[in-house]
Amino acid sequence: MLIKRGIKLRFAVNALVLITVIATLIISSFIAYRSEKQSLTHMTFQLNQVYTDKIADTVNSLFMNMKQSLAVTGEFVAKDLNKPNIYEQLVLFQRSNTSFNSLFIIDKDGILLYHSDPEQNAKGIKIVSEGTKEALREQRPLISKPYISATTNKLIVMVSQPLVDEEGQYLGFIGGAIRLHETNIFQTVLGSVPDNTNGSYAYVVSSSGELLYHPDPDRIGEKITGNPVINNLMAGKSGIQRIENSQGVDMLASYSYIKESGWGIVAQTPTEVVLSTAQKLVMKMMLYMLPALFVIMAVIYWIVGKLSDPLAKLATFASMLSPNHSGGDELPRIDSLNYEANELHKALGRAVRHFRYQFDSLSMEAQTDPLTGLYNRRTLDRFINSWIGQRSSFSIILMDLDHFKLVNDTYGHKVGDEVLKFLSTSLKRLLSENDIICRFGGEEFVVLVPNEQFDIGLQKAELIRSFMSDTESPTGTKVTLSIGLAHYPGMAFSADQLFRKADDALYRAKHSGRNRVEIASYGAEPIEKVR
């Protein structure tokens, strides 16, 4: 009878634990699903953004190289457009530069003089395409809007360079065509979406919203309207956004503006893919947890009374731990006769303290430069944006070590690093605690002086410059500084404009003999003009 009563008691306790475990599993699964969904959404945005940023940089570099190549060839042929070997030069140039599908020379009246394609190399034809009209009208290096070629009747983009003789007279232009419906360099660059097996894809639009590249070739040349991402790109913006595409599919889109051409690159992934992935991860987690739960319940079946209470408290606290929550609450206190429970309590306390220490260490690494210990560029941007948002007056001191490459070449990079550390230590000693000192990158350093009086910033800039010019560095010689100085809001309305003004002043200091402080010009341009 006692045995039966004992078994019933254990069964009742186990049933109570079972209900608690099931409830915890449901809540944990719900929280895990939301957490995974947010994490995967953020990761998807980041991966697509990294991809679009990389492609935007690559395309910018391609266009710059195209323009430079055309400029060099154009300078050669402009000396004499009647040279007998110009056609051969065009053919040779195209073979060595596969970025263009074809090359051609058109005079100032729109007459085709030469064409790298033998089938199109018919002199004397007047070209009346929109790209030709735009190039003749602008008479400057440009990348045209997409248009239908007059010679091939295909959608193309033209990169052109004006031809000018030795007397400065405009002769016409040399152009290179990229046929959007044929194999070209951009299809190679833009067709490599990180993961297109899950419905992800990328496309490119022109400054007027026309599709220049799309996985569906039939859509190339189509004009997109009403898409907020396209509207942002046409306004010169980059970013991320959840949208509904033209087929009504919910998408996670990341997009980057291509400055050199005014185009935009968009990479997007179906939201349903992210949600289904999160659901699958939670289901797997549940499947892995269930066997462990049955084992735990088998053990708990033999545990009664207070022995189960401390373990439940610790398990609840442990279940709350995650990468986003490293133990912000205090570890619950327990009074138990169970030796294992007490030891587990101690171990969990050590683990939580370790997590907190790791979190603090990672936070510090994210904000500082590893070599000098100063704030890094990310932290600098946060201070500037915060101060500008609060309309706080401050001066920015942008400084650059003179001939630092020579220091590295002469004494080695190890000594160069010591010079950087020496400068950072000197800045900490010379400046006040309210001044923000950052390593901007390489040998460039930035100091933010929070004060309405610009003269205070000027005094500190001169103090830094004179100290370096009068003090021996770790090289055994004196390493000087060139400094550019600007002030907000007296000289700028925005962070970009403030940096540009300080950089211009630094440029003047470099080109006026170095070891000097130059002040940016007064008067901030309107924000509309800066953009």
Protein backbone atom coordinates (compact mmCIF):
# COMPACT_ATOMS: atom_id res chain seq x y z
CA MET A 1 0.00 0.00 0.00
CA LEU A 2 2.84 2.38 0.90
CA ILE A 3 4.58 1.45 -2.33
CA LYS A 4 1.48 2.26 -4.30
CA ARG A 5 1.07 5.53 -2.50
CA GLY A 6 4.73 6.30 -3.15
CA ILE A 7 4.42 5.48 -6.83
CA LYS A 8 1.34 7.63 -7.14
CA LEU A 9 3.15 10.52 -5.52
CA ARG A 10 6.08 10.20 -7.86
CA PHE A 11 3.72 9.88 -10.81
CA ALA A 12 1.91 13.05 -9.71
CA VAL A 13 5.19 14.94 -9.42
CA ASN A 14 6.31 13.65 -12.80
CA ALA A 15 3.00 14.68 -14.36
CA LEU A 16 3.42 18.17 -12.93
CA VAL A 17 6.96 18.31 -14.33
CA LEU A 18 5.67 17.05 -17.68
CA ILE A 19 3.13 19.88 -17.89
CA THR A 20 5.84 22.38 -16.96
CA VAL A 21 8.26 20.96 -19.53
CA ILE A 22 5.64 21.04 -22.29
CA ALA A 23 4.75 24.65 -21.49
CA THR A 24 8.42 25.60 -21.42
CA LEU A 25 9.02 23.84 -24.72
CA ILE A 26 6.16 25.72 -26.40
CA ILE A 27 7.28 29.09 -25.07
CA SER A 28 10.92 28.37 -25.90
CA SER A 29 9.96 27.30 -29.42
CA PHE A 30 7.93 30.47 -29.94
CA ILE A 31 10.75 32.64 -28.64
CA ALA A 32 13.31 30.66 -30.63
CA TYR A 33 11.24 31.03 -33.79
CA ARG A 34 10.99 34.78 -33.39
CA SER A 35 14.67 35.04 -32.55
CA GLU A 36 15.68 32.86 -35.51
CA LYS A 37 13.37 34.80 -37.83
CA GLN A 38 14.90 38.12 -36.77
CA SER A 39 18.42 36.72 -36.95
CA LEU A 40 17.93 35.15 -40.39
CA THR A 41 16.21 38.28 -41.72
CA HIS A 42 19.09 40.43 -40.50
CA MET A 43 21.67 38.00 -41.91
CA THR A 44 19.85 37.90 -45.27
CA PHE A 45 19.82 41.68 -45.46
CA GLN A 46 23.51 41.78 -44.54
CA LEU A 47 24.57 39.13 -47.08
CA ASN A 48 22.62 40.82 -49.86
CA GLN A 49 24.00 44.22 -48.83
CA VAL A 50 27.58 42.94 -48.87
CA TYR A 51 26.94 41.48 -52.31
CA THR A 52 25.39 44.67 -53.75
CA ASP A 53 28.10 46.87 -52.21
CA LYS A 54 30.82 44.65 -53.69
CA ILE A 55 29.16 44.65 -57.11
CA ALA A 56 28.67 48.44 -56.97
CA ASP A 57 32.39 48.92 -56.22
CA THR A 58 33.34 46.49 -58.99
CA VAL A 59 31.12 48.19 -61.58
CA ASN A 60 32.43 51.60 -60.52
CA SER A 61 35.99 50.37 -61.06
CA LEU A 62 35.04 48.86 -64.43
CA PHE A 63 33.56 52.11 -65.67
CA MET A 64 36.56 54.10 -64.44
CA ASN A 65 38.90 51.73 -66.29
CA MET A 66 36.73 51.94 -69.41
CA LYS A 67 36.81 55.72 -69.36
CA GLN A 68 40.55 55.77 -68.79
CA SER A 69 41.18 53.30 -71.62
CA LEU A 70 39.00 55.29 -74.01
CA ALA A 71 40.76 58.51 -72.99
CA VAL A 72 44.19 57.06 -73.79
CA THR A 73 43.07 55.68 -77.15
CA GLY A 74 41.14 58.88 -77.92
CA GLU A 75 44.20 61.01 -77.30
CA PHE A 76 46.14 58.90 -79.79
CA VAL A 77 43.58 58.90 -82.60
CA ALA A 78 42.66 62.60 -82.17
CA LYS A 79 46.08 63.58 -83.49
CA ASP A 80 45.05 62.48 -86.97
CA LEU A 81 41.65 60.93 -87.67
CA ASN A 82 42.82 60.06 -91.17
CA LYS A 83 45.60 57.73 -90.10
CA PRO A 84 45.48 54.54 -92.16
CA ASN A 85 45.78 52.24 -89.13
CA ILE A 86 43.02 53.64 -86.91
CA TYR A 87 40.69 50.75 -87.68
CA GLU A 88 43.43 48.30 -86.71
CA GLN A 89 43.95 50.29 -83.48
CA LEU A 90 40.26 49.93 -82.63
CA VAL A 91 40.31 46.20 -83.27
CA LEU A 92 43.49 45.78 -81.22
CA PHE A 93 42.02 47.87 -78.40
CA GLN A 94 38.85 45.78 -78.30
CA ARG A 95 40.79 42.52 -78.22
CA SER A 96 42.81 43.77 -75.25
CA ASN A 97 39.75 45.22 -73.47
CA THR A 98 36.84 42.78 -73.39
CA SER A 99 34.59 45.17 -71.49
CA PHE A 100 33.13 46.50 -74.75
CA ASN A 101 31.14 44.57 -77.34
CA SER A 102 32.22 47.06 -80.01
CA LEU A 103 34.16 50.33 -80.46
CA PHE A 104 33.56 53.18 -82.89
CA ILE A 105 34.56 56.74 -83.76
CA ILE A 106 31.96 59.36 -84.72
CA ASP A 107 32.83 62.89 -85.86
CA LYS A 108 31.27 66.13 -84.60
CA ASP A 109 28.53 65.94 -87.24
CA GLY A 110 27.43 62.45 -86.15
CA ILE A 111 29.10 60.66 -89.10
CA LEU A 112 30.46 57.18 -88.40
CA LEU A 113 34.18 57.17 -89.22
CA TYR A 114 35.31 53.80 -87.90
CA HIS A 115 33.74 50.73 -86.28
CA SER A 116 35.58 47.73 -84.77
CA ASP A 117 32.94 45.33 -86.14
CA PRO A 118 33.84 44.66 -89.83
CA GLU A 119 30.15 44.29 -90.68
CA GLN A 120 29.40 47.72 -89.22
CA ASN A 121 32.56 49.51 -90.38
CA ALA A 122 30.86 51.60 -93.08
CA LYS A 123 32.17 55.14 -93.22
CA GLY A 124 29.90 58.02 -93.98
CA ILE A 125 26.73 56.82 -92.24
CA LYS A 126 25.14 59.45 -90.03
CA ILE A 127 24.26 58.02 -86.63
CA VAL A 128 21.11 59.48 -85.09
CA SER A 129 20.73 57.32 -81.97
CA GLU A 130 19.95 58.89 -78.60
CA GLY A 131 23.38 57.95 -77.24
CA THR A 132 25.14 59.68 -80.14
CA LYS A 133 23.02 62.80 -79.76
CA GLU A 134 23.74 62.89 -76.03
CA ALA A 135 27.51 62.48 -76.53
CA LEU A 136 27.63 65.19 -79.24
CA ARG A 137 25.54 67.51 -77.12
CA GLU A 138 27.44 67.05 -73.85
CA GLN A 139 30.97 66.85 -75.38
CA ARG A 140 32.33 65.27 -72.20
CA PRO A 141 33.10 61.79 -70.88
CA LEU A 142 29.80 60.09 -70.08
CA ILE A 143 27.88 56.87 -69.68
CA SER A 144 24.68 57.03 -71.71
CA LYS A 145 21.21 55.98 -70.76
CA PRO A 146 20.10 52.69 -72.38
CA TYR A 147 19.02 53.20 -75.98
CA ILE A 148 18.45 51.27 -79.21
CA SER A 149 21.56 51.24 -81.40
CA ALA A 150 21.09 52.72 -84.87
CA THR A 151 23.49 50.19 -86.42
CA THR A 152 22.55 46.97 -84.58
CA ASN A 153 18.96 47.75 -83.50
CA LYS A 154 19.77 46.36 -80.05
CA LEU A 155 19.55 47.85 -76.56
CA ILE A 156 22.96 49.16 -75.55
CA VAL A 157 24.76 51.42 -73.10
CA MET A 158 27.54 53.57 -74.50
CA VAL A 159 30.67 54.84 -72.74
CA SER A 160 32.14 57.76 -74.69
CA GLN A 161 35.17 60.03 -74.59
CA PRO A 162 35.39 63.33 -76.55
CA LEU A 163 38.11 63.75 -79.19
CA VAL A 164 39.92 67.08 -79.14
CA ASP A 165 42.82 68.14 -81.40
CA GLU A 166 45.96 69.93 -80.27
CA GLU A 167 44.26 73.30 -80.67
CA GLY A 168 41.36 72.31 -78.45
CA GLN A 169 38.85 71.92 -81.28
CA TYR A 170 36.12 69.29 -80.74
CA LEU A 171 36.38 66.56 -83.38
CA GLY A 172 33.75 64.07 -82.21
CA PHE A 173 34.04 61.16 -79.83
CA ILE A 174 35.27 57.61 -79.41
CA GLY A 175 32.70 55.27 -77.90
CA GLY A 176 32.38 51.75 -76.63
CA ALA A 177 29.09 49.85 -76.71
CA ILE A 178 27.86 47.31 -74.14
CA ARG A 179 25.01 45.27 -75.65
CA LEU A 180 22.64 44.45 -72.82
CA HIS A 181 20.97 41.49 -74.55
CA GLU A 182 24.26 39.81 -75.42
CA THR A 183 27.08 38.34 -73.39
CA ASN A 184 28.96 41.21 -71.78
CA ILE A 185 31.21 41.97 -68.85
CA PHE A 186 28.30 43.00 -66.64
CA GLN A 187 26.49 39.71 -67.06
CA THR A 188 29.61 38.03 -65.72
CA VAL A 189 29.82 40.40 -62.76
CA LEU A 190 26.12 40.72 -61.98
CA GLY A 191 24.99 37.19 -62.63
CA SER A 192 26.65 35.67 -59.55
CA VAL A 193 24.02 36.02 -56.81
CA PRO A 194 25.35 34.47 -53.54
CA ASP A 195 22.55 31.84 -53.40
CA ASN A 196 20.01 31.72 -56.21
CA THR A 197 18.73 28.25 -55.29
CA ASN A 198 16.31 29.69 -52.74
CA GLY A 199 14.64 32.18 -55.07
CA SER A 200 17.17 34.96 -54.53
CA TYR A 201 18.14 37.03 -57.54
CA ALA A 202 19.71 40.35 -58.46
CA TYR A 203 18.91 42.95 -61.06
CA VAL A 204 20.30 46.30 -62.21
CA VAL A 205 18.37 49.44 -63.07
CA SER A 206 19.45 52.62 -64.84
CA SER A 207 19.10 56.11 -63.43
CA SER A 208 15.72 56.34 -65.16
CA GLY A 209 14.41 53.03 -63.74
CA GLU A 210 15.00 50.77 -66.78
CA LEU A 211 16.15 47.18 -66.23
CA LEU A 212 19.72 46.77 -67.50
CA TYR A 213 20.22 43.27 -66.15
CA HIS A 214 17.67 40.70 -64.94
CA PRO A 215 17.73 36.88 -64.69
CA ASP A 216 14.81 36.94 -67.13
CA PRO A 217 16.35 38.31 -70.37
CA ASP A 218 12.93 39.28 -71.69
CA ARG A 219 12.61 41.91 -68.98
CA ILE A 220 15.80 43.77 -69.94
CA GLY A 221 14.82 47.27 -71.06
CA GLU A 222 11.56 47.21 -69.09
CA LYS A 223 10.87 50.39 -67.09
CA ILE A 224 10.02 49.80 -63.43
CA THR A 225 7.61 52.18 -61.69
CA GLY A 226 6.07 52.34 -58.24
CA ASN A 227 8.84 50.31 -56.58
CA PRO A 228 10.15 52.14 -53.46
CA VAL A 229 13.59 50.52 -53.81
CA ILE A 230 13.89 51.79 -57.40
CA ASN A 231 12.75 55.24 -56.27
CA ASN A 232 15.46 55.31 -53.59
CA LEU A 233 18.12 54.21 -56.08
CA MET A 234 17.04 56.91 -58.55
CA ALA A 235 17.50 59.37 -55.67
CA GLY A 236 21.10 58.10 -55.20
CA LYS A 237 20.43 56.14 -52.00
CA SER A 238 21.54 52.70 -50.78
CA GLY A 239 19.94 50.57 -48.07
CA ILE A 240 17.67 47.65 -47.19
CA GLN A 241 13.90 47.28 -47.34
CA ARG A 242 11.18 44.68 -47.20
CA ILE A 243 9.00 45.08 -50.29
CA GLU A 244 6.55 43.33 -52.55
CA ASN A 245 7.91 42.78 -56.05
CA SER A 246 6.03 43.16 -59.34
CA GLN A 247 4.81 39.54 -59.10
CA GLY A 248 3.37 40.17 -55.61
CA VAL A 249 6.11 38.19 -53.80
CA ASP A 250 7.22 39.46 -50.38
CA MET A 251 10.96 40.15 -50.66
CA LEU A 252 13.90 41.17 -48.45
CA ALA A 253 15.78 43.59 -50.70
CA SER A 254 19.22 45.16 -50.28
CA TYR A 255 20.32 47.76 -52.78
CA SER A 256 23.41 49.85 -53.56
CA TYR A 257 23.84 52.95 -55.70
CA ILE A 258 26.55 52.83 -58.39
CA LYS A 259 27.96 56.35 -58.32
CA GLU A 260 29.99 56.30 -61.52
CA SER A 261 27.00 55.49 -63.74
CA GLY A 262 24.00 56.46 -61.62
CA TRP A 263 22.73 52.85 -61.79
CA GLY A 264 21.53 50.69 -58.93
CA ILE A 265 22.10 47.03 -58.03
CA VAL A 266 19.35 45.18 -56.12
CA ALA A 267 19.66 41.73 -54.51
CA GLN A 268 16.56 40.24 -52.93
CA THR A 269 15.43 37.04 -51.25
CA PRO A 270 11.84 35.81 -50.75
CA THR A 271 10.72 36.43 -47.17
CA GLU A 272 8.99 33.05 -47.17
CA VAL A 273 12.38 31.36 -47.56
CA VAL A 274 13.62 33.01 -44.37
CA LEU A 275 10.42 32.14 -42.47
CA SER A 276 10.46 28.51 -43.59
CA THR A 277 14.14 28.21 -42.64
CA ALA A 278 13.37 29.53 -39.16
CA GLN A 279 10.50 27.04 -38.82
CA LYS A 280 12.74 24.16 -39.86
CA LEU A 281 15.43 25.17 -37.38
CA VAL A 282 12.91 25.31 -34.54
CA MET A 283 11.50 21.89 -35.52
CA LYS A 284 15.00 20.40 -35.51
CA MET A 285 15.65 21.98 -32.14
CA MET A 286 12.48 20.42 -30.78
CA LEU A 287 13.37 17.01 -32.19
CA TYR A 288 16.79 17.15 -30.57
CA MET A 289 15.34 18.33 -27.27
CA LEU A 290 12.62 15.69 -26.95
CA PRO A 291 14.92 12.69 -26.22
CA ALA A 292 16.77 14.74 -23.63
CA LEU A 293 13.48 15.73 -22.03
CA PHE A 294 12.36 12.11 -21.73
CA VAL A 295 15.66 11.22 -20.06
CA ILE A 296 15.32 14.13 -17.67
CA MET A 297 11.75 13.14 -16.85
CA ALA A 298 12.88 9.57 -16.12
CA VAL A 299 15.39 10.98 -13.64
CA ILE A 300 12.93 13.47 -12.16
CA TYR A 301 10.51 10.58 -11.60
CA TRP A 302 12.78 9.54 -8.68
CA ILE A 303 13.24 13.05 -7.37
CA VAL A 304 10.79 14.53 -4.89
CA GLY A 305 10.26 17.60 -2.80
CA LYS A 306 12.82 20.33 -2.60
CA LEU A 307 15.45 18.46 -4.68
CA SER A 308 13.59 19.39 -7.89
CA ASP A 309 13.01 23.04 -7.03
CA PRO A 310 16.61 24.37 -7.30
CA LEU A 311 17.22 22.47 -10.53
CA ALA A 312 14.06 23.93 -12.07
CA LYS A 313 15.15 27.43 -11.11
CA LEU A 314 18.57 26.96 -12.63
CA ALA A 315 17.14 25.37 -15.80
CA THR A 316 14.74 28.27 -16.26
CA PHE A 317 17.54 30.78 -15.88
CA ALA A 318 19.82 28.79 -18.23
CA SER A 319 17.10 28.61 -20.90
CA MET A 320 17.03 32.40 -20.97
CA LEU A 321 20.70 32.62 -21.89
CA SER A 322 21.36 33.39 -25.57
CA PRO A 323 23.81 35.45 -27.67
CA ASN A 324 21.40 38.39 -27.29
CA HIS A 325 20.88 37.94 -23.55
CA SER A 326 24.06 36.99 -21.70
CA GLY A 327 22.62 36.97 -18.19
CA GLY A 328 21.43 40.49 -17.55
CA ASP A 329 19.37 39.23 -14.54
CA GLU A 330 20.99 38.04 -11.36
CA LEU A 331 21.49 34.32 -10.90
CA PRO A 332 18.71 33.04 -8.57
CA ARG A 333 19.77 32.06 -5.07
CA ILE A 334 19.00 28.54 -3.90
CA ASP A 335 19.17 26.78 -0.56
CA SER A 336 19.41 23.10 -1.27
CA LEU A 337 20.71 20.00 0.43
CA ASN A 338 21.56 18.63 -3.02
CA TYR A 339 25.34 18.80 -3.56
CA GLU A 340 25.05 18.63 -7.35
CA ALA A 341 22.49 21.47 -7.41
CA ASN A 342 24.79 23.67 -5.34
CA GLU A 343 27.78 22.90 -7.59
CA LEU A 344 25.69 23.55 -10.69
CA HIS A 345 24.66 26.88 -9.19
CA LYS A 346 28.33 27.81 -8.76
CA ALA A 347 29.28 26.66 -12.27
CA LEU A 348 26.41 28.57 -13.84
CA GLY A 349 27.43 31.67 -11.93
CA ARG A 350 30.98 31.36 -13.29
CA ALA A 351 29.63 30.84 -16.81
CA VAL A 352 27.40 33.93 -16.60
CA ARG A 353 30.30 36.05 -15.36
CA HIS A 354 32.43 34.69 -18.19
CA PHE A 355 29.70 35.54 -20.74
CA ARG A 356 29.46 39.07 -19.38
CA TYR A 357 33.23 39.48 -19.54
CA GLN A 358 33.30 38.20 -23.13
CA PHE A 359 30.45 40.55 -24.09
CA ASP A 360 32.23 43.54 -22.56
CA SER A 361 35.49 42.59 -24.31
CA LEU A 362 33.80 42.24 -27.71
CA SER A 363 32.01 45.54 -27.20
CA MET A 364 35.33 47.26 -26.47
CA GLU A 365 36.99 45.66 -29.54
CA ALA A 366 34.14 46.87 -31.76
CA GLN A 367 34.67 50.48 -30.65
CA THR A 368 38.47 50.82 -30.61
CA ASP A 369 41.45 50.54 -32.94
CA PRO A 370 43.52 47.45 -31.96
CA LEU A 371 46.92 49.07 -32.57
CA THR A 372 46.53 52.41 -30.78
CA GLY A 373 43.62 51.80 -28.43
CA LEU A 374 41.90 54.93 -29.75
CA TYR A 375 38.31 55.05 -30.95
CA ASN A 376 37.85 53.63 -34.44
CA ARG A 377 36.03 55.12 -37.42
CA ARG A 378 32.69 53.50 -36.54
CA THR A 379 32.73 55.14 -33.08
CA LEU A 380 33.81 58.45 -34.63
CA ASP A 381 30.79 58.39 -36.96
CA ARG A 382 28.51 57.72 -34.00
CA PHE A 383 29.87 60.74 -32.07
CA ILE A 384 29.61 63.06 -35.09
CA ASN A 385 26.07 62.00 -35.98
CA SER A 386 24.99 62.34 -32.35
CA TRP A 387 26.48 65.82 -31.97
CA ILE A 388 25.07 67.03 -35.27
CA GLY A 389 21.68 65.56 -34.32
CA GLN A 390 21.85 67.57 -31.05
CA ARG A 391 23.01 70.72 -32.89
CA SER A 392 26.15 70.80 -30.72
CA SER A 393 29.01 72.98 -31.93
CA PHE A 394 32.39 71.30 -32.35
CA SER A 395 35.63 71.46 -34.30
CA ILE A 396 37.11 68.59 -36.30
CA ILE A 397 40.89 68.23 -36.56
CA LEU A 398 41.90 65.95 -39.44
CA MET A 399 45.62 65.12 -39.35
CA ASP A 400 47.97 63.02 -41.44
CA LEU A 401 51.58 62.00 -40.73
CA ASP A 402 53.91 63.53 -43.32
CA HIS A 403 55.94 61.10 -45.44
CA PHE A 404 54.74 58.13 -43.38
CA LYS A 405 55.34 55.77 -46.30
CA LEU A 406 58.99 56.81 -46.19
CA VAL A 407 59.07 55.94 -42.47
CA ASN A 408 57.76 52.43 -43.21
CA ASP A 409 60.12 51.99 -46.16
CA THR A 410 63.16 53.24 -44.21
CA TYR A 411 62.62 51.80 -40.73
CA GLY A 412 60.12 49.04 -41.35
CA HIS A 413 56.45 48.63 -40.49
CA LYS A 414 57.21 47.72 -36.88
CA VAL A 415 58.81 51.11 -36.28
CA GLY A 416 55.97 52.68 -38.27
CA ASP A 417 53.51 51.11 -35.82
CA GLU A 418 55.54 52.54 -32.94
CA VAL A 419 55.25 56.00 -34.52
CA LEU A 420 51.46 55.58 -34.68
CA LYS A 421 51.40 54.51 -31.02
CA PHE A 422 53.62 57.45 -30.12
CA LEU A 423 51.25 59.89 -31.80
CA SER A 424 48.19 58.33 -30.13
CA THR A 425 49.87 58.50 -26.69
CA SER A 426 50.87 62.11 -27.31
CA LEU A 427 47.32 63.05 -28.31
CA LYS A 428 45.94 61.56 -25.10
CA ARG A 429 48.48 63.55 -23.08
CA LEU A 430 48.03 66.85 -24.94
CA LEU A 431 44.22 66.88 -25.15
CA SER A 432 41.47 66.95 -22.54
CA GLU A 433 39.12 64.13 -21.53
CA ASN A 434 36.23 65.80 -23.35
CA ASP A 435 38.05 65.63 -26.71
CA ILE A 436 37.29 62.59 -28.85
CA ILE A 437 40.45 61.05 -30.35
CA CYS A 438 40.11 58.51 -33.18
CA ARG A 439 42.32 56.68 -35.62
CA PHE A 440 40.57 57.28 -38.94
CA GLY A 441 42.67 54.78 -40.88
CA GLY A 442 46.32 54.25 -41.85
CA GLU A 443 48.27 57.32 -40.74
CA GLU A 444 45.17 59.54 -40.49
CA PHE A 445 43.85 60.62 -37.10
CA VAL A 446 40.82 62.70 -36.17
CA VAL A 447 40.11 64.79 -33.06
CA LEU A 448 36.68 66.20 -32.20
CA VAL A 449 36.79 69.27 -29.94
CA PRO A 450 33.34 69.98 -28.43
CA ASN A 451 33.27 73.77 -28.16
CA GLU A 452 31.42 76.69 -29.74
CA GLN A 453 34.65 78.71 -30.01
CA PHE A 454 36.58 77.71 -33.12
CA ASP A 455 39.77 79.29 -31.75
CA ILE A 456 40.01 76.56 -29.12
CA GLY A 457 40.13 73.90 -31.82
CA LEU A 458 42.76 75.95 -33.70
CA GLN A 459 44.90 76.24 -30.57
CA LYS A 460 44.77 72.51 -29.97
CA ALA A 461 45.59 71.75 -33.61
CA GLU A 462 48.65 74.05 -33.44
CA LEU A 463 49.65 72.49 -30.09
CA ILE A 464 49.62 69.01 -31.63
CA ARG A 465 51.51 70.14 -34.75
CA SER A 466 54.23 72.01 -32.82
CA PHE A 467 54.71 69.12 -30.37
CA MET A 468 55.31 66.62 -33.16
CA SER A 469 57.62 68.98 -35.06
CA ASP A 470 59.72 69.59 -31.90
CA THR A 471 59.76 66.04 -30.51
CA GLU A 472 61.79 63.05 -31.61
CA SER A 473 59.67 60.08 -32.64
CA PRO A 474 60.56 56.36 -32.21
CA THR A 475 62.53 56.68 -35.47
CA GLY A 476 65.03 58.95 -33.71
CA THR A 477 63.93 61.81 -35.94
CA LYS A 478 60.99 64.19 -35.97
CA VAL A 479 57.89 63.14 -37.85
CA THR A 480 55.63 66.10 -38.64
CA LEU A 481 51.90 66.45 -39.18
CA SER A 482 49.75 68.16 -41.79
CA ILE A 483 46.42 69.24 -40.32
CA GLY A 484 43.08 70.36 -41.73
CA LEU A 485 40.61 72.12 -39.44
CA ALA A 486 36.86 72.69 -39.82
CA HIS A 487 33.97 73.66 -37.56
CA TYR A 488 30.32 72.74 -37.23
CA PRO A 489 27.95 74.47 -37.89
CA GLY A 490 29.90 77.49 -39.07
CA MET A 491 31.47 75.66 -42.00
CA ALA A 492 29.10 72.78 -42.77
CA PHE A 493 25.52 71.53 -42.39
CA SER A 494 26.22 67.79 -42.55
CA ALA A 495 28.86 65.23 -41.56
CA ASP A 496 29.84 64.56 -45.20
CA GLN A 497 30.28 68.25 -45.91
CA LEU A 498 32.25 68.76 -42.69
CA PHE A 499 34.63 65.92 -43.56
CA ARG A 500 35.03 67.21 -47.09
CA LYS A 501 35.94 70.68 -45.87
CA ALA A 502 38.43 69.35 -43.32
CA ASP A 503 39.92 67.05 -45.98
CA ASP A 504 40.26 69.96 -48.42
CA ALA A 505 42.09 71.92 -45.73
CA LEU A 506 44.36 68.93 -45.09
CA TYR A 507 45.02 68.70 -48.82
CA ARG A 508 46.10 72.35 -48.83
CA ALA A 509 48.37 71.73 -45.86
CA LYS A 510 50.00 68.82 -47.69
CA HIS A 511 50.55 70.79 -50.85
CA SER A 512 51.68 73.98 -49.10
CA GLY A 513 54.78 72.47 -47.58
CA ARG A 514 53.42 70.09 -44.88
CA ASN A 515 53.97 70.56 -41.11
CA ARG A 516 51.23 73.17 -40.99
CA VAL A 517 47.61 73.75 -40.01
CA GLU A 518 45.12 74.85 -42.67
CA ILE A 519 41.61 76.11 -41.87
CA ALA A 520 38.60 75.20 -43.99
CA SER A 521 36.66 77.99 -45.67
CA TYR A 522 33.81 79.57 -43.73
CA GLY A 523 30.19 79.36 -44.82
CA ALA A 524 28.25 76.11 -45.10
CA GLU A 525 26.64 75.30 -48.44
CA PRO A 526 22.92 74.47 -48.38
CA ILE A 527 22.22 70.77 -47.92
CA GLU A 528 20.38 70.64 -51.25
CA LYS A 529 23.50 71.91 -53.01
CA VAL A 530 25.75 69.45 -51.23
CA ARG A 531 23.65 66.55 -52.41
